[in-house]
């Protein structure tokens, strides 16, 4: 276990620190700290095999979890079970700071593959998208007004990504509901 985190820079200028990886935790979880700049957002997506827990250290964020929009700030925590559609955005005027765990471990491999070693290095967005899809991310495209019609999910299959559109299933398709939020 390293005493210093590995620092990477993700698309959108997000500084990301990997504090614990699967090797450190016996595969149970990985622990990251990230710093999304003001105006940053991440589109709706699913981690089919990993739960994600986000604790806000600094800043104000909007999280949409399973269709419910919440504003969360410093000291608040949300948990997203595997298979639940979610997205996030930094609503603050400054860079935020979040503590993130993925369980089981493995998601850190996406950050290692897609991240750049310095803020000056350019991150290839297409390569980052391909890495996300290879590491179990599924992006959900919901055009304006289409929530009641259907959703589009991008999946990585056979070294390429494909788009499949289906009628929006009942909420239970995405697994259990998010386990609320807490405030410390």
Protein backbone atom coordinates (compact mmCIF):
# COMPACT_ATOMS: atom_id res chain seq x y z
CA UNK A 1 0.00 0.00 0.00
CA UNK A 2 1.43 3.33 -1.07
CA UNK A 3 1.50 6.28 1.31
CA UNK A 4 1.13 8.72 -1.60
CA UNK A 5 -1.84 8.56 -3.98
CA UNK A 6 -1.36 8.17 -7.70
CA UNK A 7 -2.56 11.42 -9.34
CA UNK A 8 -4.16 11.42 -12.80
CA UNK A 9 -6.09 13.96 -14.84
CA UNK A 10 -9.33 12.87 -16.48
CA UNK A 11 -11.37 14.41 -19.31
CA UNK A 12 -12.89 17.72 -18.29
CA UNK A 13 -9.84 18.62 -16.20
CA UNK A 14 -10.81 16.44 -13.23
CA UNK A 15 -7.82 15.84 -10.96
CA UNK A 16 -8.15 12.28 -9.61
CA UNK A 17 -6.17 10.58 -6.85
CA UNK A 18 -6.15 6.80 -6.47
CA UNK A 19 -5.60 6.17 -2.75
CA UNK A 20 -6.42 2.44 -2.55
CA UNK A 21 -6.72 -0.10 -5.33
CA UNK A 22 -7.97 -3.68 -5.42
CA UNK A 23 -4.58 -5.06 -4.47
CA UNK A 24 -4.60 -2.89 -1.33
CA UNK A 25 -8.11 -4.02 -0.27
CA UNK A 26 -8.18 -7.66 -1.32
CA UNK A 27 -10.47 -6.73 -4.20
CA UNK A 28 -13.25 -5.42 -1.98
CA UNK A 29 -13.15 -1.75 -3.07
CA UNK A 30 -11.06 1.06 -4.48
CA UNK A 31 -10.85 4.54 -2.95
CA UNK A 32 -10.48 7.71 -5.02
CA UNK A 33 -10.54 11.44 -4.40
CA UNK A 34 -11.41 13.69 -7.30
CA UNK A 35 -11.65 17.43 -7.89
CA UNK A 36 -14.18 18.28 -10.61
CA UNK A 37 -13.87 21.91 -11.78
CA UNK A 38 -16.82 24.33 -11.80
CA UNK A 39 -19.19 23.47 -14.63
CA UNK A 40 -18.02 19.84 -14.92
CA UNK A 41 -20.67 17.21 -15.60
CA UNK A 42 -20.79 13.50 -16.32
CA UNK A 43 -23.62 12.08 -18.48
CA UNK A 44 -26.09 9.45 -17.31
CA UNK A 45 -24.46 6.04 -16.99
CA UNK A 46 -24.60 2.68 -15.25
CA UNK A 47 -21.94 0.54 -13.58
CA UNK A 48 -23.58 -2.86 -13.94
CA UNK A 49 -21.21 -4.70 -11.61
CA UNK A 50 -20.02 -2.01 -9.18
CA UNK A 51 -21.62 0.05 -6.43
CA UNK A 52 -20.44 3.66 -6.14
CA UNK A 53 -20.46 5.76 -2.98
CA UNK A 54 -19.74 9.49 -3.21
CA UNK A 55 -19.00 11.70 -0.19
CA UNK A 56 -18.79 15.44 -0.86
CA UNK A 57 -15.78 16.99 0.87
CA UNK A 58 -16.12 20.45 -0.71
CA UNK A 59 -18.44 22.07 -3.22
CA UNK A 60 -22.02 21.75 -4.36
CA UNK A 61 -23.10 19.01 -6.74
CA UNK A 62 -26.25 17.86 -8.46
CA UNK A 63 -26.72 14.11 -8.62
CA UNK A 64 -29.45 12.42 -10.61
CA UNK A 65 -29.90 8.90 -9.29
CA UNK A 66 -32.52 6.62 -10.82
CA UNK A 67 -34.37 9.67 -12.14
CA UNK A 68 -34.38 11.64 -8.89
CA UNK A 69 -32.44 14.90 -8.84
CA UNK A 70 -30.70 15.91 -5.60
CA UNK A 71 -28.40 18.77 -4.68
CA UNK A 72 -25.70 17.65 -2.29
CA UNK A 73 -22.96 19.57 -0.55
CA UNK A 74 -20.06 19.19 1.83
CA UNK A 75 -20.65 16.48 4.43
CA UNK A 76 -23.33 14.66 2.41
CA UNK A 77 -23.00 11.16 0.98
CA UNK A 78 -24.92 9.22 -1.68
CA UNK A 79 -24.73 5.52 -2.50
CA UNK A 80 -25.52 4.15 -5.96
CA UNK A 81 -26.05 0.37 -6.11
CA UNK A 82 -24.87 -1.56 -9.18
CA UNK A 83 -27.08 -1.12 -12.23
CA UNK A 84 -28.65 2.20 -11.21
CA UNK A 85 -28.60 5.02 -13.76
CA UNK A 86 -26.87 8.13 -12.40
CA UNK A 87 -25.17 11.35 -13.47
CA UNK A 88 -23.52 14.26 -11.70
CA UNK A 89 -22.45 17.87 -12.09
CA UNK A 90 -20.47 20.44 -10.12
CA UNK A 91 -22.90 23.33 -9.61
CA UNK A 92 -20.45 25.40 -7.59
CA UNK A 93 -18.41 28.37 -8.75
CA UNK A 94 -15.18 26.63 -7.72
CA UNK A 95 -13.53 23.22 -7.95
CA UNK A 96 -15.22 20.64 -5.74
CA UNK A 97 -13.72 17.67 -3.91
CA UNK A 98 -15.30 14.22 -3.58
CA UNK A 99 -14.30 10.97 -1.89
CA UNK A 100 -15.44 8.02 -4.05
CA UNK A 101 -15.47 4.27 -3.51
CA UNK A 102 -16.32 1.58 -6.03
CA UNK A 103 -17.12 -1.88 -4.73
CA UNK A 104 -15.87 -4.35 -5.70
CA UNK A 105 -12.50 -2.96 -6.79
CA UNK A 106 -11.56 -2.81 -10.45
CA UNK A 107 -12.93 0.56 -11.54
CA UNK A 108 -9.55 2.11 -10.74
CA UNK A 109 -8.28 0.34 -13.87
CA UNK A 110 -10.48 2.66 -15.96
CA UNK A 111 -8.90 5.73 -14.37
CA UNK A 112 -5.40 4.28 -14.85
CA UNK A 113 -6.11 3.62 -18.53
CA UNK A 114 -7.98 6.83 -19.39
CA UNK A 115 -6.17 9.38 -17.21
CA UNK A 116 -3.22 11.57 -18.13
CA UNK A 117 -0.16 12.03 -15.89
CA UNK A 118 -0.34 15.84 -15.84
CA UNK A 119 -2.89 18.62 -16.37
CA UNK A 120 -0.94 19.75 -19.44
CA UNK A 121 -1.23 16.36 -21.15
CA UNK A 122 -4.18 16.09 -23.48
CA UNK A 123 -6.70 13.36 -22.70
CA UNK A 124 -8.09 11.62 -25.78
CA UNK A 125 -11.86 11.69 -25.17
CA UNK A 126 -12.57 8.87 -27.64
CA UNK A 127 -9.97 6.66 -25.98
CA UNK A 128 -11.42 7.56 -22.56
CA UNK A 129 -14.91 6.59 -23.75
CA UNK A 130 -13.64 3.29 -25.13
CA UNK A 131 -11.83 2.63 -21.82
CA UNK A 132 -15.00 3.40 -19.85
CA UNK A 133 -17.00 0.97 -21.93
CA UNK A 134 -14.33 -1.73 -21.57
CA UNK A 135 -14.42 -1.26 -17.79
CA UNK A 136 -18.15 -1.80 -17.40
CA UNK A 137 -19.64 1.67 -17.92
CA UNK A 138 -22.87 1.86 -19.91
CA UNK A 139 -23.89 5.34 -21.07
CA UNK A 140 -27.57 6.15 -21.20
CA UNK A 141 -28.63 8.72 -23.76
CA UNK A 142 -31.95 10.35 -22.93
CA UNK A 143 -32.83 12.98 -25.51
CA UNK A 144 -35.09 15.81 -24.32
CA UNK A 145 -38.64 14.55 -23.85
CA UNK A 146 -37.65 10.93 -24.45
CA UNK A 147 -37.71 9.74 -20.84
CA UNK A 148 -41.18 8.23 -21.27
CA UNK A 149 -40.38 6.77 -24.70
CA UNK A 150 -37.18 4.86 -24.16
CA UNK A 151 -33.52 5.02 -23.38
CA UNK A 152 -30.40 4.30 -25.34
CA UNK A 153 -27.61 2.33 -23.71
CA UNK A 154 -24.09 2.14 -25.10
CA UNK A 155 -22.34 -1.18 -24.46
CA UNK A 156 -18.78 -2.33 -25.15
CA UNK A 157 -18.92 -5.63 -27.01
CA UNK A 158 -16.32 -7.44 -29.09
CA UNK A 159 -13.81 -4.57 -29.27
CA UNK A 160 -16.41 -2.07 -30.45
CA UNK A 161 -19.29 -0.19 -28.92
CA UNK A 162 -22.88 -0.64 -29.95
CA UNK A 163 -26.06 1.26 -29.30
CA UNK A 164 -29.30 -0.47 -28.38
CA UNK A 165 -32.60 1.27 -27.81
CA UNK A 166 -35.40 -0.32 -25.82
CA UNK A 167 -38.57 0.78 -24.14
CA UNK A 168 -37.77 2.11 -20.68
CA UNK A 169 -38.22 -0.79 -18.28
CA UNK A 170 -39.72 -0.54 -14.81
CA UNK A 171 -37.45 0.95 -12.16
CA UNK A 172 -36.66 -2.50 -10.80
CA UNK A 173 -34.64 -3.36 -13.93
CA UNK A 174 -31.81 -1.21 -12.61
CA UNK A 175 -31.66 -3.06 -9.30
CA UNK A 176 -32.54 -1.72 -5.90
CA UNK A 177 -33.04 1.99 -5.36
CA UNK A 178 -30.19 4.16 -4.27
CA UNK A 179 -29.66 3.88 -0.53
CA UNK A 180 -30.55 7.47 0.16
CA UNK A 181 -28.15 10.00 1.43
CA UNK A 182 -26.53 10.83 4.70
CA UNK A 183 -25.12 13.94 6.27
CA UNK A 184 -22.13 13.84 8.59
